[in-house]
Amino acid sequence: MPEEYADSALKRMDMGKFITAGEAAGMIPENAVIMVGGFMGCGNPHKIIAELAKLGTGGITLICNDASMPGGPDGDEYYGVAKLIHNRQVKKLITSHVGLNPEVAAQMNAGLIEVELVPQGSLAEMVRAGGAGLGGVLTPTGLGTIVEKAGHVHGVIEIDGKSYLVERPLRADFALLSGYRIDRSGNIWYKGTTRNFNLPMATAAGVVIAEADHLVDIGAIEPENVMTSGVFVDYIVEGGRADG
């Protein structure tokens, strides 16, 4: 096949992956379970979250490393997923850290949100297990504490004389990711620590939507530098960042 026809075929094939941030947010129904990549807002897909906040879609179960924080480097009053918390769109939060967002404690004490705190390493492994199709994760972290009674813990098991918690795997209806560079097939390169939870969450949801800081042509990301393969990405939102 001549090269120009091959390029044209690839473009037609990939066009179906491209949606706007508003269309991405509109795909998410009430009471959905969503994973959002990021760490204190770094690596959150900010445009998709902003559109979801505008829609006011409620009853969300949010799986995220943290609840972000009021204020951020983008100048918004609420940064990243903190918008969803502030709007009371989240009914349940499965996370490892909420200390920098005081609204979480206020809503929890008022009975407006259920918070399930999971040690960060355990949370990452539970997401990874969900993506890999594993039955759970074994960890000694949390033994002998109130963690044993948490909803994500299946029980305690003993192996070779040592006790472990059996943590349930985590999956979601949607995973909302952010990549610094994403090519037209959905292959993602994350900059610095923004790879954080984006990497395992790409494998652990029914629908994966990735917001590109920079949309690049196929081949612009060297194969050995692809961190999330495009086969995991269902839709791409062009974030339109201007910085290099």
Protein backbone atom coordinates (compact mmCIF):
# COMPACT_ATOMS: atom_id res chain seq x y z
CA MET A 1 0.00 0.00 0.00
CA PRO A 2 1.45 3.43 -0.92
CA GLU A 3 2.54 5.44 2.12
CA GLU A 4 0.04 8.26 1.56
CA TYR A 5 -2.87 5.78 1.53
CA ALA A 6 -1.56 4.04 4.63
CA ASP A 7 -1.41 7.38 6.46
CA SER A 8 -4.93 8.23 5.33
CA ALA A 9 -6.25 4.87 6.52
CA LEU A 10 -4.60 5.35 9.92
CA LYS A 11 -6.16 8.80 10.29
CA ARG A 12 -9.62 7.50 9.44
CA MET A 13 -9.21 4.61 11.86
CA ASP A 14 -8.17 6.92 14.71
CA MET A 15 -10.73 9.70 14.15
CA GLY A 16 -13.29 7.76 16.16
CA LYS A 17 -11.11 8.08 19.26
CA PHE A 18 -11.28 11.87 19.39
CA ILE A 19 -13.93 13.57 21.50
CA THR A 20 -14.22 16.91 23.29
CA ALA A 21 -13.89 17.31 27.04
CA GLY A 22 -17.63 18.01 27.15
CA GLU A 23 -18.43 14.82 25.24
CA ALA A 24 -16.18 12.86 27.58
CA ALA A 25 -17.96 14.23 30.64
CA GLY A 26 -21.33 13.59 29.02
CA MET A 27 -20.53 9.88 28.67
CA ILE A 28 -20.40 9.47 32.45
CA PRO A 29 -23.81 8.68 33.98
CA GLU A 30 -25.09 9.24 37.49
CA ASN A 31 -23.74 6.76 40.04
CA ALA A 32 -20.75 5.80 37.89
CA VAL A 33 -17.54 4.44 39.36
CA ILE A 34 -14.62 6.45 38.01
CA MET A 35 -10.88 6.31 38.47
CA VAL A 36 -8.94 9.54 38.06
CA GLY A 37 -5.18 9.53 37.67
CA GLY A 38 -3.05 12.08 39.47
CA PHE A 39 -1.40 13.04 42.73
CA MET A 40 -2.61 16.23 44.44
CA GLY A 41 -4.00 17.28 41.08
CA CYS A 42 -0.72 16.67 39.24
CA GLY A 43 -1.73 14.33 36.42
CA ASN A 44 -5.48 14.99 36.73
CA PRO A 45 -7.30 15.46 33.40
CA HIS A 46 -8.34 19.01 34.28
CA LYS A 47 -10.51 19.84 31.27
CA ILE A 48 -12.61 16.69 31.57
CA ILE A 49 -13.05 17.23 35.30
CA ALA A 50 -14.09 20.85 34.74
CA GLU A 51 -16.76 19.73 32.28
CA LEU A 52 -17.96 17.02 34.63
CA ALA A 53 -18.24 19.64 37.38
CA LYS A 54 -20.31 21.85 35.09
CA LEU A 55 -22.71 19.00 34.33
CA GLY A 56 -23.18 18.27 38.02
CA THR A 57 -23.32 14.51 37.47
CA GLY A 58 -23.83 13.02 40.92
CA GLY A 59 -23.62 9.82 42.90
CA ILE A 60 -20.04 9.24 41.76
CA THR A 61 -17.79 6.69 43.39
CA LEU A 62 -14.34 8.23 42.92
CA ILE A 63 -11.17 6.17 43.07
CA CYS A 64 -8.20 8.52 43.24
CA ASN A 65 -4.96 8.81 45.16
CA ASP A 66 -6.26 11.89 46.98
CA ALA A 67 -8.94 14.59 46.99
CA SER A 68 -6.58 17.28 45.65
CA MET A 69 -6.91 20.68 47.33
CA PRO A 70 -8.58 24.08 47.26
CA GLY A 71 -6.59 26.28 44.94
CA GLY A 72 -3.81 25.23 42.63
CA PRO A 73 -1.23 26.40 40.10
CA ASP A 74 -3.91 26.90 37.42
CA GLY A 75 -5.52 29.67 39.48
CA ASP A 76 -8.82 27.81 39.94
CA GLU A 77 -10.51 28.01 43.30
CA TYR A 78 -10.70 24.21 43.42
CA TYR A 79 -7.98 22.16 41.78
CA GLY A 80 -8.68 18.95 39.85
CA VAL A 81 -10.97 16.47 41.57
CA ALA A 82 -11.51 18.98 44.40
CA LYS A 83 -14.13 20.52 42.08
CA LEU A 84 -16.20 17.33 42.26
CA ILE A 85 -15.85 17.15 46.04
CA HIS A 86 -16.87 20.81 46.43
CA ASN A 87 -19.94 20.28 44.22
CA ARG A 88 -20.96 17.26 46.32
CA GLN A 89 -20.97 15.09 43.22
CA VAL A 90 -19.03 12.33 44.98
CA LYS A 91 -20.96 9.94 47.20
CA LYS A 92 -18.01 7.64 47.93
CA LEU A 93 -14.30 8.32 47.83
CA ILE A 94 -11.76 5.48 47.79
CA THR A 95 -8.41 7.13 48.36
CA SER A 96 -5.19 7.19 50.34
CA HIS A 97 -4.93 10.84 51.41
CA VAL A 98 -7.42 13.65 52.09
CA GLY A 99 -5.49 15.90 54.46
CA LEU A 100 -5.06 18.86 52.11
CA ASN A 101 -8.75 19.13 51.27
CA PRO A 102 -10.69 20.12 54.41
CA GLU A 103 -14.02 19.77 52.59
CA VAL A 104 -13.67 15.99 52.67
CA ALA A 105 -13.64 15.88 56.48
CA ALA A 106 -16.50 18.38 56.68
CA GLN A 107 -18.67 16.38 54.27
CA MET A 108 -17.75 13.09 55.92
CA ASN A 109 -18.72 14.40 59.37
CA ALA A 110 -22.00 15.68 57.93
CA GLY A 111 -22.78 12.29 56.40
CA LEU A 112 -22.58 13.64 52.85
CA ILE A 113 -19.75 11.44 51.62
CA GLU A 114 -18.41 7.99 52.46
CA VAL A 115 -14.63 7.86 52.62
CA GLU A 116 -12.68 4.63 52.42
CA LEU A 117 -9.02 5.26 53.25
CA VAL A 118 -6.56 2.76 51.79
CA PRO A 119 -2.78 2.78 52.28
CA GLN A 120 -1.26 4.23 49.12
CA GLY A 121 0.76 1.18 48.16
CA SER A 122 -2.23 -1.07 48.72
CA LEU A 123 -4.42 1.21 46.61
CA ALA A 124 -1.96 1.06 43.71
CA GLU A 125 -1.76 -2.72 43.94
CA MET A 126 -5.55 -3.10 44.14
CA VAL A 127 -5.91 -1.08 40.93
CA ARG A 128 -3.14 -3.08 39.28
CA ALA A 129 -4.83 -6.32 40.34
CA GLY A 130 -8.11 -5.13 38.88
CA GLY A 131 -6.43 -4.41 35.58
CA ALA A 132 -4.58 -7.72 35.52
CA GLY A 133 -7.67 -9.78 36.34
CA LEU A 134 -6.25 -11.00 39.63
CA GLY A 135 -8.42 -12.08 42.51
CA GLY A 136 -6.89 -9.76 45.06
CA VAL A 137 -3.74 -8.53 46.80
CA LEU A 138 -2.03 -9.94 49.87
CA THR A 139 -0.47 -7.41 52.24
CA PRO A 140 0.46 -7.23 55.93
CA THR A 141 -0.24 -3.47 55.94
CA GLY A 142 -3.19 -2.73 58.21
CA LEU A 143 -3.17 -5.98 60.17
CA GLY A 144 -4.47 -5.53 63.68
CA THR A 145 -6.04 -2.15 62.89
CA ILE A 146 -9.48 -0.89 61.87
CA VAL A 147 -8.37 -1.44 58.27
CA GLU A 148 -9.27 -5.11 58.75
CA LYS A 149 -12.96 -4.10 58.86
CA ALA A 150 -12.82 -1.89 55.76
CA GLY A 151 -14.98 -2.68 52.77
CA HIS A 152 -12.00 -3.27 50.49
CA VAL A 153 -10.67 -6.07 52.75
CA HIS A 154 -11.97 -9.55 52.03
CA GLY A 155 -10.42 -11.10 55.12
CA VAL A 156 -7.20 -12.39 56.67
CA ILE A 157 -5.20 -15.32 55.36
CA GLU A 158 -2.15 -17.11 56.74
CA ILE A 159 0.63 -18.31 54.46
CA ASP A 160 3.73 -20.05 55.81
CA GLY A 161 2.95 -18.82 59.29
CA LYS A 162 2.51 -15.17 58.32
CA SER A 163 -0.82 -13.32 58.23
CA TYR A 164 -1.95 -11.08 55.39
CA LEU A 165 -4.97 -8.98 54.56
CA VAL A 166 -6.70 -10.01 51.36
CA GLU A 167 -7.48 -6.77 49.53
CA ARG A 168 -10.11 -6.84 46.82
CA PRO A 169 -9.10 -5.73 43.32
CA LEU A 170 -10.45 -2.40 42.09
CA ARG A 171 -12.07 -1.71 38.74
CA ALA A 172 -14.15 1.19 37.47
CA ASP A 173 -16.68 2.04 34.80
CA PHE A 174 -14.46 4.87 33.55
CA ALA A 175 -10.81 5.82 33.94
CA LEU A 176 -9.96 9.47 33.29
CA LEU A 177 -6.27 9.91 32.55
CA SER A 178 -3.90 12.71 31.62
CA GLY A 179 -0.84 12.34 29.41
CA TYR A 180 1.78 14.94 28.55
CA ARG A 181 2.09 13.59 25.01
CA ILE A 182 -0.49 11.32 23.40
CA ASP A 183 -0.28 10.24 19.78
CA ARG A 184 -3.21 9.72 17.43
CA SER A 185 -3.42 6.04 18.32
CA GLY A 186 -3.66 6.78 22.03
CA ASN A 187 -0.11 5.84 23.02
CA ILE A 188 0.84 7.91 26.07
CA TRP A 189 4.04 9.41 27.43
CA TYR A 190 3.78 10.88 30.92
CA LYS A 191 6.09 13.67 32.06
CA GLY A 192 7.89 13.14 35.34
CA THR A 193 5.76 11.99 38.23
CA THR A 194 2.47 12.54 36.36
CA ARG A 195 2.61 8.87 35.39
CA ASN A 196 1.66 8.03 39.04
CA PHE A 197 -1.80 6.42 39.16
CA ASN A 198 -2.49 7.06 35.47
CA LEU A 199 -0.39 4.05 34.57
CA PRO A 200 -2.27 1.27 36.42
CA MET A 201 -5.68 2.91 36.00
CA ALA A 202 -5.35 2.68 32.22
CA THR A 203 -5.83 -1.08 32.52
CA ALA A 204 -8.59 -1.20 35.15
CA ALA A 205 -11.72 0.37 33.66
CA GLY A 206 -14.39 -0.45 31.12
CA VAL A 207 -13.88 2.85 29.26
CA VAL A 208 -10.57 4.73 29.29
CA ILE A 209 -10.51 8.43 28.32
CA ALA A 210 -7.14 10.17 28.08
CA GLU A 211 -6.67 13.93 28.01
CA ALA A 212 -3.61 15.01 26.02
CA ASP A 213 -1.59 18.01 27.11
CA HIS A 214 0.00 17.72 23.69
CA LEU A 215 -1.45 15.70 20.82
CA VAL A 216 1.34 14.40 18.58
CA ASP A 217 1.60 12.37 15.40
CA ILE A 218 2.13 8.63 15.41
CA GLY A 219 5.85 8.00 15.69
CA ALA A 220 6.56 11.16 17.70
CA ILE A 221 6.76 9.00 20.82
CA GLU A 222 9.51 6.41 20.41
CA PRO A 223 8.13 2.88 20.91
CA GLU A 224 10.43 2.27 23.86
CA ASN A 225 9.09 5.44 25.52
CA VAL A 226 5.41 4.50 25.31
CA MET A 227 4.23 4.15 28.90
CA THR A 228 0.57 3.32 28.24
CA SER A 229 -0.23 1.51 25.01
CA GLY A 230 -2.97 2.94 22.83
CA VAL A 231 -4.79 -0.40 22.93
CA PHE A 232 -5.96 0.54 26.42
CA VAL A 233 -7.27 3.98 25.42
CA ASP A 234 -10.82 4.21 24.08
CA TYR A 235 -11.07 7.99 23.63
CA ILE A 236 -8.70 10.96 23.42
CA VAL A 237 -9.45 14.53 24.46
CA GLU A 238 -7.11 17.21 23.17
CA GLY A 239 -6.12 19.34 26.15
CA GLY A 240 -4.42 21.98 24.03
CA ARG A 241 -1.58 22.97 26.36
CA ALA A 242 0.72 25.57 24.83
CA ASP A 243 3.90 24.82 26.78
CA GLY A 244 6.57 22.52 25.35
